[in-house]
Amino acid sequence: MRVLITGVAGFVGGHMVDFLRREAPDAVVVGLDSRPGRRAQSLAIEIVQADLEDASSVRAAIARVSPDRVIHLAAQSSPQRSWEDPERTLRTNVLGMLHLLEAARAQPAAPRILVVGSADEYGLVQSHELPLREDAPLRPASPYAASKVAAGYLALQYALSPGLPVVRTRTFHHTGPRRGEQFAESSFARQLAEIEAGQRPARLEVGNLEAVRDFTDVRDVVRAYWALLDRGARGEVYNVCSGRGVKLGELLQGLIALSGLRVEVHVDPARLRAADAPILIGDPSRLRAATGWEPEIPIDRTLRDLLDYWRERVGLRAAPA
């Protein structure tokens, strides 16, 4: 079996490679990256260079790899950044999706494709709609969210006609070791690690701590993706989530408790989003029914592993006594 992972150098891509090494050791894993750097090379897999915004390079990459499965992770994934450059966000997320689907359609035997969407597609939800099912209205509140809605519906169209074997997700918040610091909980962990290392004063800069999000460990998420490639229905969309909500402030307090530090918490207005859904909690019933998947890693372990990752990054090799 040949598995192609787009966006392989990203947060989820690395964990997907780790998962496949353990659980599908006979699979030949190939990564697709537009500008392979040290992170992509460190994965120790074959890397094919292609720009998703360039249709011809995507066609050539798919023809070269001839994958049996494609896990499409590549995207501009920051809602805040999408306001700074909405055109680039739409090109990457929508045109990139189109080019990938067209390249797959040109193959003699189309690969099975997992298209990863986002809970941000639901947008500003109403309290009576919680927990969110897949048939809830989509009210995207950023160019990023709108691009993921468009990409998801484009994938659905290709699943219906010409009948590509595409499975879609709307993935809720996920975190764990190697999470980028532009995401709140990882920013908290990095700041705490830097305080422990004496690299900054005992003051945390935070954004909106009242937002409630449905968090799942990234290592559980990649299990769900692989299960959906096996057993998801063509064209169907599945929430990938835990079904439980937690305030960002509670995650912050959990990380502070793990660090054992006494810190000042300061709300930085620059970290507040113009449009931020107060609460996003999903219903994973459809995923569970299709695959039997359940999250296995508790949030306290996720937070500890995230904090330990940043401790190592800042030069602390072990948690302080």
Foldseek 3Di string as FASTA:
>chain_A
DEEEEEPLLDDLNLLLLVVCVPPVVVYQYEYEDQDDDPSNVVSVHHYQHDQLLDLVRLLVVCVVRVGQEYEYDDAPQDQVVCVVPVPVRLSRLASSLVSNLVSQVPDPHRHAYEAEAALLQQAADDPVCPQPDPPHDGDHDGSNSVSRVNSLVVQLVVCVPVNHNYEYEHEWAEAFAPDDCLDFLLVLLLVLLCVVVVNDPQEREHADQQAKTFYAYSNLVSVLRVLCSVFNGGSYYFYDTQQDIDTSNVSSVLLCVVQVDDGHYDYDHVSYDPGDHRYHGHDRVVSCVRGVRHGDDDPSVRSVRSNCNSNVVVPNNDRDD
